[in-house]
Protein backbone atom coordinates (compact mmCIF):
# COMPACT_ATOMS: atom_id res chain seq x y z
CA MET A 1 8.63 -15.36 -47.22
CA SER A 2 8.39 -12.34 -49.30
CA LEU A 3 11.94 -11.16 -48.00
CA ILE A 4 13.36 -14.24 -49.77
CA TYR A 5 11.50 -13.40 -53.01
CA LEU A 6 13.03 -9.86 -52.74
CA ALA A 7 16.48 -11.25 -52.18
CA ILE A 8 16.10 -13.40 -55.22
CA LEU A 9 14.70 -10.49 -57.49
CA ALA A 10 17.73 -8.29 -56.24
CA LEU A 11 20.23 -11.02 -57.13
CA ASP A 12 18.49 -11.31 -60.64
CA ILE A 13 18.77 -7.60 -61.16
CA VAL A 14 22.30 -7.40 -60.11
CA THR A 15 23.24 -10.38 -62.39
CA ILE A 16 21.34 -8.96 -65.47
CA MET A 17 23.21 -5.50 -64.87
CA ASP A 18 26.43 -7.41 -64.66
CA VAL A 19 25.70 -9.16 -68.15
CA LEU A 20 24.80 -6.05 -69.68
CA LYS A 21 28.04 -4.39 -68.49
CA SER A 22 30.14 -7.34 -69.77
CA ILE A 23 31.99 -7.24 -73.05
CA LYS A 24 30.23 -10.20 -74.41
CA ASP A 25 28.69 -10.52 -77.84
CA SER A 26 25.09 -9.49 -77.95
CA GLU A 27 23.89 -13.01 -78.68
CA LYS A 28 25.62 -14.23 -75.42
CA LYS A 29 24.19 -11.25 -73.25
CA ILE A 30 20.67 -12.14 -74.58
CA LEU A 31 21.11 -15.92 -73.78
CA TRP A 32 22.24 -15.03 -70.24
CA ILE A 33 19.52 -12.81 -69.55
CA ILE A 34 17.05 -15.49 -70.54
CA VAL A 35 18.67 -17.89 -68.46
CA VAL A 36 18.59 -15.54 -65.39
CA ILE A 37 14.91 -14.77 -66.16
CA PHE A 38 13.86 -18.34 -66.47
CA LEU A 39 15.94 -19.82 -63.81
CA PRO A 40 15.67 -17.22 -60.98
CA LEU A 41 17.95 -19.05 -58.57
CA LEU A 42 20.21 -21.21 -60.69
CA GLY A 43 20.59 -18.64 -63.37
CA PRO A 44 22.76 -16.12 -61.62
CA VAL A 45 24.92 -19.15 -59.97
CA LEU A 46 25.41 -20.57 -63.46
CA TYR A 47 26.48 -16.99 -64.75
CA TYR A 48 29.10 -16.49 -62.08
CA VAL A 49 30.46 -19.97 -62.28
CA LEU A 50 30.41 -20.65 -66.16
CA GLY A 51 29.73 -17.40 -67.93
CA LYS A 52 32.02 -14.89 -66.24
CA LYS A 53 35.25 -15.65 -67.62
């Protein structure tokens, strides 16, 4: 079970790093980071589907 948690944590960290490297406005970066933190499974999916344009 802890392996699943580590995989989710790794996915969240990779997504947050990707958000920080993007050329989005600071407000949008902060919003996406909050979404990823509060929705650990759904946040990265939403970012890669909706936010990464």
